[in-house]
Amino acid sequence: MKKLIFVLATIFSFALLFSSCKKDQLDDAAATPLELTGDDFSNLQGITEDLDDEVEAYLDELGSNEISDRTTCPNVVFAQPRGTFPNTITLTYDAGCTTRNGRSVEGQIIIELSAKWDQTGATRTVSFVNFFVDGAQLEGGKILTNLGTDANGVVCFSRESSKTLTFPDGTSASWNASHELCRIEGGDTPIKWDDVHQVTGSATGVNRQGNAFQSEITEPLIKPVNCRFIVGGVSTLTVNGQTGSLNFGDGNCDRLAEITKPDGTVRTIILDPWWRR
């Protein structure tokens, strides 16, 4: 009898633990505007950083003619001979293509290059044509500018972007963002896979509920190239007069972030892809 009671108590304890985890995890259907904004913002920010890393690493391979592992995805077309500037490169990802970090992608990325990318002042204008990432459509584009090195010798870039992400259920979120990216690790090696970027800046946008929001990165976001997620940093989010903070973690490459509401309540956000939720 005692053994049976112990087993039942153990099962009950696990049930409570599971229920508690589920309650702390963000439920889109019951989410407040601030919580849903945190979810949308993390998706837009995460996809932006990961696709930037993908494009930069791929263009670096094109420049060094080291593309042995990328023979089928994507298909590459140069408007002018390789090494000529200005130039436009069209990357076409057919169905079934994935990025290095495992994102499913389909469609075209158009990249307009003003000059060789290691030159201060060089720009990349990136746009997306019928482009889908993990089943969501990404529209819009961005302009990146090489700012040269800062006082510490770190290479930095500015990024002005305007994007809309339409989810498989037909809802969408959008933003206009102004960011600065600095390569804080990996600059001393020829490969991009060990690079780590630090991101600062702000954005305004509209969440899936149609509510306007503002964001400000208060602790620089940290994005390793070899992880599909942002692994650290904090952004403040303001929507409908409420301000909260979105914390991307302590450096671990995982799918979790936390949003703290004005009353101090903390909720867990599962970062993309949404189809795994």
C-alpha atoms as a PDB file:
ATOM      1  CA  MET A   1       0.000   0.000   0.000  1.00  0.00           C
ATOM      2  CA  LYS A   2       2.817   2.404   0.926  1.00  0.00           C
ATOM      3  CA  LYS A   3       4.510   1.596  -2.392  1.00  0.00           C
ATOM      4  CA  LEU A   4       1.317   2.396  -4.295  1.00  0.00           C
ATOM      5  CA  ILE A   5       0.935   5.706  -2.448  1.00  0.00           C
ATOM      6  CA  PHE A   6       4.559   6.593  -3.235  1.00  0.00           C
ATOM      7  CA  VAL A   7       4.066   5.841  -6.934  1.00  0.00           C
ATOM      8  CA  LEU A   8       0.864   7.890  -7.086  1.00  0.00           C
ATOM      9  CA  ALA A   9       2.530  10.787  -5.260  1.00  0.00           C
ATOM     10  CA  THR A  10       5.450  10.696  -7.693  1.00  0.00           C
ATOM     11  CA  ILE A  11       3.123  10.739 -10.708  1.00  0.00           C
ATOM     12  CA  PHE A  12       1.163  13.627  -9.184  1.00  0.00           C
ATOM     13  CA  SER A  13       4.370  15.601  -8.573  1.00  0.00           C
ATOM     14  CA  PHE A  14       5.470  15.175 -12.199  1.00  0.00           C
ATOM     15  CA  ALA A  15       2.016  16.245 -13.365  1.00  0.00           C
ATOM     16  CA  LEU A  16       2.232  19.415 -11.291  1.00  0.00           C
ATOM     17  CA  LEU A  17       5.708  20.145 -12.649  1.00  0.00           C
ATOM     18  CA  PHE A  18       4.558  19.654 -16.238  1.00  0.00           C
ATOM     19  CA  SER A  19       1.488  21.818 -15.635  1.00  0.00           C
ATOM     20  CA  SER A  20       3.643  24.553 -14.130  1.00  0.00           C
ATOM     21  CA  CYS A  21       5.988  24.516 -17.128  1.00  0.00           C
ATOM     22  CA  LYS A  22       3.049  24.720 -19.509  1.00  0.00           C
ATOM     23  CA  LYS A  23       1.600  27.687 -17.604  1.00  0.00           C
ATOM     24  CA  ASP A  24       4.914  29.556 -17.731  1.00  0.00           C
ATOM     25  CA  GLN A  25       5.250  28.933 -21.449  1.00  0.00           C
ATOM     26  CA  LEU A  26       3.651  31.485 -23.769  1.00  0.00           C
ATOM     27  CA  ASP A  27       0.283  30.441 -25.205  1.00  0.00           C
ATOM     28  CA  ASP A  28      -0.428  32.516 -28.333  1.00  0.00           C
ATOM     29  CA  ALA A  29      -4.210  32.237 -27.945  1.00  0.00           C
ATOM     30  CA  ALA A  30      -4.140  33.709 -24.423  1.00  0.00           C
ATOM     31  CA  ALA A  31      -1.142  36.009 -24.835  1.00  0.00           C
ATOM     32  CA  THR A  32      -1.333  39.680 -23.902  1.00  0.00           C
ATOM     33  CA  PRO A  33      -0.259  42.233 -26.552  1.00  0.00           C
ATOM     34  CA  LEU A  34       3.088  42.627 -24.768  1.00  0.00           C
ATOM     35  CA  GLU A  35       3.695  38.863 -24.652  1.00  0.00           C
ATOM     36  CA  LEU A  36       2.722  38.383 -28.284  1.00  0.00           C
ATOM     37  CA  THR A  37       4.942  41.303 -29.277  1.00  0.00           C
ATOM     38  CA  GLY A  38       7.846  39.583 -27.545  1.00  0.00           C
ATOM     39  CA  ASP A  39       7.128  36.466 -29.559  1.00  0.00           C
ATOM     40  CA  ASP A  40       6.903  38.367 -32.865  1.00  0.00           C
ATOM     41  CA  PHE A  41       9.954  40.496 -32.128  1.00  0.00           C
ATOM     42  CA  SER A  42      12.083  37.456 -31.263  1.00  0.00           C
ATOM     43  CA  ASN A  43      11.058  35.804 -34.549  1.00  0.00           C
ATOM     44  CA  LEU A  44      11.888  38.873 -36.655  1.00  0.00           C
ATOM     45  CA  GLN A  45      15.174  39.520 -34.840  1.00  0.00           C
ATOM     46  CA  GLY A  46      16.275  35.879 -34.861  1.00  0.00           C
ATOM     47  CA  ILE A  47      15.540  35.280 -38.544  1.00  0.00           C
ATOM     48  CA  THR A  48      17.240  38.567 -39.467  1.00  0.00           C
ATOM     49  CA  GLU A  49      20.448  37.628 -37.659  1.00  0.00           C
ATOM     50  CA  ASP A  50      20.525  34.041 -38.887  1.00  0.00           C
ATOM     51  CA  LEU A  51      19.896  34.902 -42.551  1.00  0.00           C
ATOM     52  CA  ASP A  52      22.500  37.679 -42.369  1.00  0.00           C
ATOM     53  CA  ASP A  53      24.981  35.096 -41.125  1.00  0.00           C
ATOM     54  CA  GLU A  54      23.966  32.682 -43.903  1.00  0.00           C
ATOM     55  CA  VAL A  55      24.377  35.283 -46.653  1.00  0.00           C
ATOM     56  CA  GLU A  56      27.688  36.598 -45.288  1.00  0.00           C
ATOM     57  CA  ALA A  57      29.184  33.112 -44.985  1.00  0.00           C
ATOM     58  CA  TYR A  58      27.986  32.152 -48.451  1.00  0.00           C
ATOM     59  CA  LEU A  59      29.301  35.310 -50.108  1.00  0.00           C
ATOM     60  CA  ASP A  60      32.617  34.737 -48.349  1.00  0.00           C
ATOM     61  CA  GLU A  61      32.720  31.257 -49.877  1.00  0.00           C
ATOM     62  CA  LEU A  62      31.960  32.691 -53.306  1.00  0.00           C
ATOM     63  CA  GLY A  63      34.812  35.141 -52.925  1.00  0.00           C
ATOM     64  CA  SER A  64      37.248  32.403 -51.968  1.00  0.00           C
ATOM     65  CA  ASN A  65      35.834  29.808 -54.417  1.00  0.00           C
ATOM     66  CA  GLU A  66      35.246  27.423 -51.493  1.00  0.00           C
ATOM     67  CA  ILE A  67      31.693  26.213 -52.114  1.00  0.00           C
ATOM     68  CA  SER A  68      32.200  22.467 -52.350  1.00  0.00           C
ATOM     69  CA  ASP A  69      29.473  21.711 -49.799  1.00  0.00           C
ATOM     70  CA  ARG A  70      26.927  24.076 -51.377  1.00  0.00           C
ATOM     71  CA  THR A  71      26.708  22.689 -54.897  1.00  0.00           C
ATOM     72  CA  THR A  72      22.909  22.319 -55.046  1.00  0.00           C
ATOM     73  CA  CYS A  73      21.534  24.956 -52.641  1.00  0.00           C
ATOM     74  CA  PRO A  74      21.353  27.702 -53.578  1.00  0.00           C
ATOM     75  CA  ASN A  75      21.660  28.214 -57.317  1.00  0.00           C
ATOM     76  CA  VAL A  76      23.830  31.302 -57.935  1.00  0.00           C
ATOM     77  CA  VAL A  77      23.608  33.830 -60.770  1.00  0.00           C
ATOM     78  CA  PHE A  78      25.906  36.859 -61.148  1.00  0.00           C
ATOM     79  CA  ALA A  79      24.714  39.851 -63.178  1.00  0.00           C
ATOM     80  CA  GLN A  80      28.358  40.703 -63.892  1.00  0.00           C
ATOM     81  CA  PRO A  81      31.490  38.520 -63.846  1.00  0.00           C
ATOM     82  CA  ARG A  82      32.473  37.376 -60.368  1.00  0.00           C
ATOM     83  CA  GLY A  83      34.739  39.928 -58.686  1.00  0.00           C
ATOM     84  CA  THR A  84      33.266  42.838 -60.696  1.00  0.00           C
ATOM     85  CA  PHE A  85      31.659  45.754 -58.807  1.00  0.00           C
ATOM     86  CA  PRO A  86      29.005  46.924 -58.607  1.00  0.00           C
ATOM     87  CA  ASN A  87      27.312  43.560 -59.018  1.00  0.00           C
ATOM     88  CA  THR A  88      24.047  41.777 -58.289  1.00  0.00           C
ATOM     89  CA  ILE A  89      23.898  38.192 -57.080  1.00  0.00           C
ATOM     90  CA  THR A  90      20.709  36.138 -57.132  1.00  0.00           C
ATOM     91  CA  LEU A  91      20.548  33.178 -54.763  1.00  0.00           C
ATOM     92  CA  THR A  92      17.709  30.777 -55.599  1.00  0.00           C
ATOM     93  CA  TYR A  93      16.721  28.187 -53.012  1.00  0.00           C
ATOM     94  CA  ASP A  94      14.503  25.418 -54.362  1.00  0.00           C
ATOM     95  CA  ALA A  95      12.112  23.381 -52.235  1.00  0.00           C
ATOM     96  CA  GLY A  96      14.029  21.151 -49.847  1.00  0.00           C
ATOM     97  CA  CYS A  97      16.934  23.568 -49.305  1.00  0.00           C
ATOM     98  CA  THR A  98      18.197  24.265 -45.805  1.00  0.00           C
ATOM     99  CA  THR A  99      20.639  26.752 -44.322  1.00  0.00           C
ATOM    100  CA  ARG A 100      23.719  25.741 -42.359  1.00  0.00           C
ATOM    101  CA  ASN A 101      21.737  26.078 -39.145  1.00  0.00           C
ATOM    102  CA  GLY A 102      18.940  23.860 -40.399  1.00  0.00           C
ATOM    103  CA  ARG A 103      16.320  26.397 -41.433  1.00  0.00           C
ATOM    104  CA  SER A 104      14.069  25.303 -44.293  1.00  0.00           C
ATOM    105  CA  VAL A 105      14.221  27.990 -47.004  1.00  0.00           C
ATOM    106  CA  GLU A 106      12.683  28.473 -50.438  1.00  0.00           C
ATOM    107  CA  GLY A 107      12.676  31.428 -52.834  1.00  0.00           C
ATOM    108  CA  GLN A 108      15.171  34.073 -53.888  1.00  0.00           C
ATOM    109  CA  ILE A 109      17.555  36.417 -52.097  1.00  0.00           C
ATOM    110  CA  ILE A 110      18.756  39.304 -54.281  1.00  0.00           C
ATOM    111  CA  ILE A 111      22.020  40.942 -53.163  1.00  0.00           C
ATOM    112  CA  GLU A 112      23.284  44.174 -54.710  1.00  0.00           C
ATOM    113  CA  LEU A 113      26.971  44.807 -53.967  1.00  0.00           C
ATOM    114  CA  SER A 114      28.460  48.280 -54.331  1.00  0.00           C
ATOM    115  CA  ALA A 115      32.083  47.253 -53.763  1.00  0.00           C
ATOM    116  CA  LYS A 116      34.255  44.574 -52.217  1.00  0.00           C
ATOM    117  CA  TRP A 117      32.776  43.959 -48.787  1.00  0.00           C
ATOM    118  CA  ASP A 118      35.976  44.548 -46.782  1.00  0.00           C
ATOM    119  CA  GLN A 119      36.075  48.188 -47.950  1.00  0.00           C
ATOM    120  CA  THR A 120      34.788  50.828 -45.542  1.00  0.00           C
ATOM    121  CA  GLY A 121      31.595  52.330 -46.978  1.00  0.00           C
ATOM    122  CA  ALA A 122      30.739  49.277 -49.089  1.00  0.00           C
ATOM    123  CA  THR A 123      27.036  48.452 -49.103  1.00  0.00           C
ATOM    124  CA  ARG A 124      24.862  45.382 -49.569  1.00  0.00           C
ATOM    125  CA  THR A 125      21.237  45.839 -50.479  1.00  0.00           C
ATOM    126  CA  VAL A 126      19.328  42.627 -49.805  1.00  0.00           C
ATOM    127  CA  SER A 127      15.757  41.855 -50.877  1.00  0.00           C
ATOM    128  CA  PHE A 128      13.577  38.746 -50.733  1.00  0.00           C
ATOM    129  CA  VAL A 129      11.445  37.466 -53.621  1.00  0.00           C
ATOM    130  CA  ASN A 130       8.738  34.891 -52.875  1.00  0.00           C
ATOM    131  CA  PHE A 131      10.939  33.787 -50.000  1.00  0.00           C
ATOM    132  CA  PHE A 132       9.882  31.414 -47.220  1.00  0.00           C
ATOM    133  CA  VAL A 133      11.758  30.424 -44.085  1.00  0.00           C
ATOM    134  CA  ASP A 134      10.475  27.522 -41.981  1.00  0.00           C
ATOM    135  CA  GLY A 135       7.118  27.861 -43.741  1.00  0.00           C
ATOM    136  CA  ALA A 136       6.646  31.602 -43.074  1.00  0.00           C
ATOM    137  CA  GLN A 137       6.932  34.181 -45.851  1.00  0.00           C
ATOM    138  CA  LEU A 138       9.568  36.875 -45.423  1.00  0.00           C
ATOM    139  CA  GLU A 139       9.120  40.094 -47.407  1.00  0.00           C
ATOM    140  CA  GLY A 140      11.033  43.360 -47.535  1.00  0.00           C
ATOM    141  CA  GLY A 141      14.756  43.961 -47.383  1.00  0.00           C
ATOM    142  CA  LYS A 142      17.697  45.699 -45.775  1.00  0.00           C
ATOM    143  CA  ILE A 143      20.767  47.793 -46.495  1.00  0.00           C
ATOM    144  CA  LEU A 144      24.049  46.942 -44.785  1.00  0.00           C
ATOM    145  CA  THR A 145      27.003  49.334 -44.765  1.00  0.00           C
ATOM    146  CA  ASN A 146      30.575  48.553 -43.725  1.00  0.00           C
ATOM    147  CA  LEU A 147      31.465  51.105 -41.040  1.00  0.00           C
ATOM    148  CA  GLY A 148      35.094  50.014 -40.791  1.00  0.00           C
ATOM    149  CA  THR A 149      36.769  49.293 -37.458  1.00  0.00           C
ATOM    150  CA  ASP A 150      35.940  50.919 -34.131  1.00  0.00           C
ATOM    151  CA  ALA A 151      38.384  52.172 -31.489  1.00  0.00           C
ATOM    152  CA  ASN A 152      39.020  48.589 -30.375  1.00  0.00           C
ATOM    153  CA  GLY A 153      39.766  47.370 -33.894  1.00  0.00           C
ATOM    154  CA  VAL A 154      36.432  45.559 -34.206  1.00  0.00           C
ATOM    155  CA  VAL A 155      34.723  45.541 -37.623  1.00  0.00           C
ATOM    156  CA  CYS A 156      31.205  47.000 -37.467  1.00  0.00           C
ATOM    157  CA  PHE A 157      28.292  47.382 -39.886  1.00  0.00           C
ATOM    158  CA  SER A 158      25.070  49.357 -39.925  1.00  0.00           C
ATOM    159  CA  ARG A 159      21.811  47.716 -40.965  1.00  0.00           C
ATOM    160  CA  GLU A 160      18.571  49.444 -41.946  1.00  0.00           C
ATOM    161  CA  SER A 161      15.775  46.952 -42.528  1.00  0.00           C
ATOM    162  CA  SER A 162      12.065  46.813 -43.263  1.00  0.00           C
ATOM    163  CA  LYS A 163      10.461  43.373 -43.075  1.00  0.00           C
ATOM    164  CA  THR A 164       7.168  41.551 -42.835  1.00  0.00           C
ATOM    165  CA  LEU A 165       6.884  37.975 -41.621  1.00  0.00           C
ATOM    166  CA  THR A 166       3.637  36.197 -42.544  1.00  0.00           C
ATOM    167  CA  PHE A 167       3.032  33.039 -40.549  1.00  0.00           C
ATOM    168  CA  PRO A 168       1.427  29.835 -41.890  1.00  0.00           C
ATOM    169  CA  ASP A 169      -1.886  30.752 -40.199  1.00  0.00           C
ATOM    170  CA  GLY A 170      -2.096  33.974 -42.272  1.00  0.00           C
ATOM    171  CA  THR A 171      -1.222  36.415 -39.474  1.00  0.00           C
ATOM    172  CA  SER A 172       1.775  38.707 -39.895  1.00  0.00           C
ATOM    173  CA  ALA A 173       4.188  40.940 -37.998  1.00  0.00           C
ATOM    174  CA  SER A 174       6.377  43.694 -39.397  1.00  0.00           C
ATOM    175  CA  TRP A 175       9.123  46.080 -38.349  1.00  0.00           C
ATOM    176  CA  ASN A 176      11.448  48.876 -39.398  1.00  0.00           C
ATOM    177  CA  ALA A 177      14.753  48.467 -37.626  1.00  0.00           C
ATOM    178  CA  SER A 178      18.011  50.365 -37.332  1.00  0.00           C
ATOM    179  CA  HIS A 179      20.881  48.254 -35.969  1.00  0.00           C
ATOM    180  CA  GLU A 180      24.641  48.207 -35.648  1.00  0.00           C
ATOM    181  CA  LEU A 181      26.480  44.873 -35.794  1.00  0.00           C
ATOM    182  CA  CYS A 182      30.024  44.306 -34.608  1.00  0.00           C
ATOM    183  CA  ARG A 183      32.033  41.100 -35.017  1.00  0.00           C
ATOM    184  CA  ILE A 184      33.295  40.478 -31.474  1.00  0.00           C
ATOM    185  CA  GLU A 185      34.759  37.003 -32.050  1.00  0.00           C
ATOM    186  CA  GLY A 186      36.198  35.097 -34.999  1.00  0.00           C
ATOM    187  CA  GLY A 187      37.662  38.036 -36.891  1.00  0.00           C
ATOM    188  CA  ASP A 188      41.150  36.578 -36.597  1.00  0.00           C
ATOM    189  CA  THR A 189      40.277  33.415 -38.576  1.00  0.00           C
ATOM    190  CA  PRO A 190      39.467  33.017 -42.291  1.00  0.00           C
ATOM    191  CA  ILE A 191      36.250  31.073 -41.652  1.00  0.00           C
ATOM    192  CA  LYS A 192      32.877  32.605 -40.739  1.00  0.00           C
ATOM    193  CA  TRP A 193      31.524  29.671 -38.731  1.00  0.00           C
ATOM    194  CA  ASP A 194      33.326  30.768 -35.547  1.00  0.00           C
ATOM    195  CA  ASP A 195      32.205  34.408 -35.781  1.00  0.00           C
ATOM    196  CA  VAL A 196      30.084  35.976 -33.049  1.00  0.00           C
ATOM    197  CA  HIS A 197      28.173  39.227 -33.616  1.00  0.00           C
ATOM    198  CA  GLN A 198      26.969  41.838 -31.163  1.00  0.00           C
ATOM    199  CA  VAL A 199      23.822  43.754 -32.146  1.00  0.00           C
ATOM    200  CA  THR A 200      22.567  47.115 -30.830  1.00  0.00           C
ATOM    201  CA  GLY A 201      19.834  49.481 -31.966  1.00  0.00           C
ATOM    202  CA  SER A 202      16.070  49.919 -32.055  1.00  0.00           C
ATOM    203  CA  ALA A 203      12.952  49.110 -34.051  1.00  0.00           C
ATOM    204  CA  THR A 204       9.291  49.996 -34.475  1.00  0.00           C
ATOM    205  CA  GLY A 205       6.707  47.608 -35.803  1.00  0.00           C
ATOM    206  CA  VAL A 206       3.259  46.017 -35.699  1.00  0.00           C
ATOM    207  CA  ASN A 207       2.527  42.684 -34.031  1.00  0.00           C
ATOM    208  CA  ARG A 208       0.115  39.958 -35.197  1.00  0.00           C
ATOM    209  CA  GLN A 209      -2.754  41.611 -33.339  1.00  0.00           C
ATOM    210  CA  GLY A 210      -2.254  44.862 -35.235  1.00  0.00           C
ATOM    211  CA  ASN A 211      -0.747  46.662 -32.232  1.00  0.00           C
ATOM    212  CA  ALA A 212       2.132  49.070 -32.834  1.00  0.00           C
ATOM    213  CA  PHE A 213       5.263  48.472 -30.766  1.00  0.00           C
ATOM    214  CA  GLN A 214       8.667  49.982 -30.077  1.00  0.00           C
ATOM    215  CA  SER A 215      11.832  48.162 -29.082  1.00  0.00           C
ATOM    216  CA  GLU A 216      15.242  49.199 -27.812  1.00  0.00           C
ATOM    217  CA  ILE A 217      18.192  46.865 -27.282  1.00  0.00           C
ATOM    218  CA  THR A 218      19.349  47.698 -23.756  1.00  0.00           C
ATOM    219  CA  GLU A 219      21.971  44.943 -23.447  1.00  0.00           C
ATOM    220  CA  PRO A 220      23.680  44.000 -26.743  1.00  0.00           C
ATOM    221  CA  LEU A 221      22.238  40.913 -28.376  1.00  0.00           C
ATOM    222  CA  ILE A 222      24.744  38.112 -28.941  1.00  0.00           C
ATOM    223  CA  LYS A 223      24.424  35.904 -32.033  1.00  0.00           C
ATOM    224  CA  PRO A 224      26.997  33.187 -32.866  1.00  0.00           C
ATOM    225  CA  VAL A 225      27.054  32.264 -36.545  1.00  0.00           C
ATOM    226  CA  ASN A 226      26.990  28.558 -35.657  1.00  0.00           C
ATOM    227  CA  CYS A 227      23.702  28.860 -33.718  1.00  0.00           C
ATOM    228  CA  ARG A 228      20.329  29.669 -35.260  1.00  0.00           C
ATOM    229  CA  PHE A 229      19.222  31.554 -32.140  1.00  0.00           C
ATOM    230  CA  ILE A 230      20.251  34.732 -30.350  1.00  0.00           C
ATOM    231  CA  VAL A 231      21.913  33.483 -27.164  1.00  0.00           C
ATOM    232  CA  GLY A 232      22.114  36.590 -24.991  1.00  0.00           C
ATOM    233  CA  GLY A 233      21.121  40.210 -24.534  1.00  0.00           C
ATOM    234  CA  VAL A 234      18.013  42.170 -23.539  1.00  0.00           C
ATOM    235  CA  SER A 235      15.502  44.283 -25.467  1.00  0.00           C
ATOM    236  CA  THR A 236      12.793  46.473 -23.973  1.00  0.00           C
ATOM    237  CA  LEU A 237       9.402  46.326 -25.673  1.00  0.00           C
ATOM    238  CA  THR A 238       6.599  48.878 -25.425  1.00  0.00           C
ATOM    239  CA  VAL A 239       3.064  48.227 -26.699  1.00  0.00           C
ATOM    240  CA  ASN A 240      -0.279  49.749 -25.669  1.00  0.00           C
ATOM    241  CA  GLY A 241       1.484  51.818 -23.024  1.00  0.00           C
ATOM    242  CA  GLN A 242       3.064  48.799 -21.333  1.00  0.00           C
ATOM    243  CA  THR A 243       6.809  48.206 -21.259  1.00  0.00           C
ATOM    244  CA  GLY A 244       8.497  44.871 -20.626  1.00  0.00           C
ATOM    245  CA  SER A 245      11.874  43.306 -21.220  1.00  0.00           C
ATOM    246  CA  LEU A 246      12.824  40.364 -23.415  1.00  0.00           C
ATOM    247  CA  ASN A 247      15.856  38.392 -22.224  1.00  0.00           C
ATOM    248  CA  PHE A 248      17.482  36.063 -24.765  1.00  0.00           C
ATOM    249  CA  GLY A 249      19.450  34.010 -22.257  1.00  0.00           C
ATOM    250  CA  ASP A 250      22.867  33.415 -20.756  1.00  0.00           C
ATOM    251  CA  GLY A 251      24.861  32.244 -23.755  1.00  0.00           C
ATOM    252  CA  ASN A 252      23.405  28.774 -24.320  1.00  0.00           C
ATOM    253  CA  CYS A 253      22.293  27.904 -27.854  1.00  0.00           C
ATOM    254  CA  ASP A 254      18.660  27.075 -27.082  1.00  0.00           C
ATOM    255  CA  ARG A 255      15.137  28.003 -28.202  1.00  0.00           C
ATOM    256  CA  LEU A 256      14.174  29.850 -25.027  1.00  0.00           C
ATOM    257  CA  ALA A 257      13.765  33.502 -24.113  1.00  0.00           C
ATOM    258  CA  GLU A 258      11.932  35.163 -21.250  1.00  0.00           C
ATOM    259  CA  ILE A 259       9.677  38.199 -21.214  1.00  0.00           C
ATOM    260  CA  THR A 260       9.202  40.135 -17.987  1.00  0.00           C
ATOM    261  CA  LYS A 261       5.941  42.100 -17.746  1.00  0.00           C
ATOM    262  CA  PRO A 262       5.451  45.377 -15.805  1.00  0.00           C
ATOM    263  CA  ASP A 263       4.104  43.483 -12.769  1.00  0.00           C
ATOM    264  CA  GLY A 264       7.255  41.348 -12.640  1.00  0.00           C
ATOM    265  CA  THR A 265       5.616  38.226 -14.082  1.00  0.00           C
ATOM    266  CA  VAL A 266       8.042  36.211 -16.210  1.00  0.00           C
ATOM    267  CA  ARG A 267       6.866  34.102 -19.135  1.00  0.00           C
ATOM    268  CA  THR A 268       8.891  31.771 -21.336  1.00  0.00           C
ATOM    269  CA  ILE A 269       8.903  32.267 -25.108  1.00  0.00           C
ATOM    270  CA  ILE A 270       9.850  29.409 -27.397  1.00  0.00           C
ATOM    271  CA  LEU A 271      11.825  30.847 -30.285  1.00  0.00           C
ATOM    272  CA  ASP A 272      11.102  29.812 -33.880  1.00  0.00           C
ATOM    273  CA  PRO A 273      10.340  27.640 -35.738  1.00  0.00           C
ATOM    274  CA  TRP A 274       6.645  28.060 -34.935  1.00  0.00           C
ATOM    275  CA  TRP A 275       5.744  24.749 -36.562  1.00  0.00           C
ATOM    276  CA  ARG A 276       7.469  22.902 -33.702  1.00  0.00           C
ATOM    277  CA  ARG A 277       5.266  24.439 -31.032  1.00  0.00           C
END
